[in-house]
């Protein structure tokens, strides 16, 4: 899950010819095929829209869903594998639910105020994370 890319002065031969950006260490998570399809469909819809702002709510919901999926992958799944016990798992889930509620509210407020170029920038960032 953890990978490092080549140093700046040694671009990888696997990179597209147009890319000269150096890579840094990264972490990624796997999500469901259904969430991937939903993500790609919504990104395409927003990118083709005359007015991307009409999709603010849908993008907010998607960002929240992706964040929830990542938190589950990075925290809840390893916790379950550690088998800390029912009470610890339930406490963790309850705490995470509170974090997700607060974060969801913040995401909705921020994305809800973005204009079309800003929304397209968010879409581009999500696409980059999906590589």
Protein backbone atom coordinates (compact mmCIF):
# COMPACT_ATOMS: atom_id res chain seq x y z
CA UNK A 1 0.00 0.00 0.00
CA UNK A 2 2.91 2.36 0.43
CA UNK A 3 4.95 3.34 -2.56
CA UNK A 4 7.65 5.78 -3.40
CA UNK A 5 8.34 7.12 -6.80
CA UNK A 6 11.62 7.92 -8.45
CA UNK A 7 13.67 10.94 -7.50
CA UNK A 8 13.05 14.21 -9.33
CA UNK A 9 16.07 13.84 -11.57
CA UNK A 10 15.17 10.29 -12.63
CA UNK A 11 11.69 10.23 -14.19
CA UNK A 12 10.19 6.75 -14.50
CA UNK A 13 9.87 5.22 -17.92
CA UNK A 14 6.34 4.17 -16.92
CA UNK A 15 5.16 7.77 -16.78
CA UNK A 16 3.26 9.29 -19.69
CA UNK A 17 5.52 11.38 -21.92
CA UNK A 18 3.74 14.62 -20.97
CA UNK A 19 4.29 14.14 -17.23
CA UNK A 20 7.43 15.59 -15.70
CA UNK A 21 6.05 15.84 -12.17
CA UNK A 22 8.12 14.07 -9.55
CA UNK A 23 6.25 11.64 -7.38
CA UNK A 24 6.35 11.48 -3.62
CA UNK A 25 5.51 8.63 -1.26
CA UNK A 26 1.81 7.86 -1.17
CA UNK A 27 -0.85 5.76 0.49
CA UNK A 28 -3.98 4.58 -1.24
CA UNK A 29 -7.08 2.68 -0.35
CA UNK A 30 -9.28 0.33 -2.25
CA UNK A 31 -12.98 1.01 -2.53
CA UNK A 32 -15.86 -0.88 -4.04
CA UNK A 33 -16.36 -1.20 -7.77
CA UNK A 34 -19.79 0.39 -7.30
CA UNK A 35 -18.24 3.46 -5.63
CA UNK A 36 -15.62 3.69 -8.38
CA UNK A 37 -18.32 3.59 -11.07
CA UNK A 38 -20.39 6.17 -9.20
CA UNK A 39 -17.33 8.41 -8.83
CA UNK A 40 -16.34 8.23 -12.49
CA UNK A 41 -19.92 8.80 -13.63
CA UNK A 42 -20.37 11.88 -11.45
CA UNK A 43 -16.97 13.33 -12.37
CA UNK A 44 -17.82 12.95 -16.05
CA UNK A 45 -21.22 14.56 -15.54
CA UNK A 46 -19.71 17.55 -13.74
CA UNK A 47 -16.89 17.94 -16.26
CA UNK A 48 -19.37 18.00 -19.17
CA UNK A 49 -21.92 20.24 -17.45
CA UNK A 50 -22.54 23.74 -18.71
CA UNK A 51 -22.88 24.81 -15.10
CA UNK A 52 -20.99 22.58 -12.69
CA UNK A 53 -22.57 24.36 -9.72
CA UNK A 54 -25.80 22.43 -10.31
CA UNK A 55 -23.92 19.34 -9.06
CA UNK A 56 -22.57 20.76 -5.80
CA UNK A 57 -24.73 18.56 -3.59
CA UNK A 58 -23.89 15.41 -5.52
CA UNK A 59 -20.16 16.19 -5.37
CA UNK A 60 -20.39 16.93 -1.65
CA UNK A 61 -22.10 13.60 -1.08
CA UNK A 62 -19.48 11.81 -3.16
CA UNK A 63 -16.56 13.42 -1.30
CA UNK A 64 -18.17 12.39 1.99
CA UNK A 65 -18.74 8.84 0.74
CA UNK A 66 -15.13 8.56 -0.47
CA UNK A 67 -13.87 9.94 2.84
CA UNK A 68 -16.02 7.47 4.79
CA UNK A 69 -14.72 4.62 2.65
CA UNK A 70 -11.13 5.73 3.24
CA UNK A 71 -11.61 6.07 6.98
CA UNK A 72 -13.09 2.59 7.11
CA UNK A 73 -10.19 1.21 5.08
CA UNK A 74 -7.47 2.95 7.06
CA UNK A 75 -8.93 2.71 10.56
CA UNK A 76 -11.87 0.38 11.11
CA UNK A 77 -10.59 -2.54 9.02
CA UNK A 78 -7.15 -2.64 10.71
CA UNK A 79 -8.84 -2.23 14.09
CA UNK A 80 -11.05 -5.26 13.42
CA UNK A 81 -7.99 -7.25 12.34
CA UNK A 82 -6.32 -6.38 15.66
CA UNK A 83 -9.34 -7.85 17.50
CA UNK A 84 -9.39 -5.33 20.35
CA UNK A 85 -12.80 -6.46 21.53
CA UNK A 86 -16.41 -5.48 20.95
CA UNK A 87 -16.45 -2.43 23.22
CA UNK A 88 -13.32 -0.92 21.72
CA UNK A 89 -14.63 -1.46 18.18
CA UNK A 90 -17.99 0.07 19.07
CA UNK A 91 -16.29 3.04 20.74
CA UNK A 92 -14.14 3.58 17.67
CA UNK A 93 -17.15 3.40 15.36
CA UNK A 94 -19.10 5.82 17.52
CA UNK A 95 -16.20 8.28 17.62
CA UNK A 96 -15.70 8.02 13.89
CA UNK A 97 -19.41 8.60 13.28
CA UNK A 98 -19.11 11.91 15.16
CA UNK A 99 -16.06 12.92 13.14
CA UNK A 100 -17.85 12.03 9.91
CA UNK A 101 -20.88 14.14 10.84
CA UNK A 102 -18.74 17.19 11.54
CA UNK A 103 -16.62 16.65 8.45
CA UNK A 104 -19.71 16.13 6.31
CA UNK A 105 -21.08 19.46 7.43
CA UNK A 106 -17.81 21.22 6.63
CA UNK A 107 -17.53 19.53 3.21
CA UNK A 108 -21.09 20.54 2.31
CA UNK A 109 -20.48 24.15 3.36
CA UNK A 110 -17.24 24.45 1.42
CA UNK A 111 -18.26 22.67 -1.77
CA UNK A 112 -21.66 24.38 -1.58
CA UNK A 113 -19.96 27.76 -2.08
CA UNK A 114 -17.62 26.79 -4.91
CA UNK A 115 -17.95 28.11 -8.45
CA UNK A 116 -17.60 25.97 -11.57
CA UNK A 117 -13.79 26.24 -11.97
CA UNK A 118 -13.30 25.34 -8.31
CA UNK A 119 -15.61 22.34 -8.62
CA UNK A 120 -13.74 21.20 -11.71
CA UNK A 121 -10.51 21.50 -9.75
CA UNK A 122 -11.94 19.22 -7.06
CA UNK A 123 -12.95 16.74 -9.77
CA UNK A 124 -9.42 16.85 -11.17
CA UNK A 125 -7.96 16.20 -7.74
CA UNK A 126 -10.23 13.20 -7.24
CA UNK A 127 -9.22 11.84 -10.66
CA UNK A 128 -5.54 12.18 -9.73
CA UNK A 129 -6.14 10.26 -6.52
CA UNK A 130 -7.75 7.47 -8.53
CA UNK A 131 -4.65 6.79 -10.62
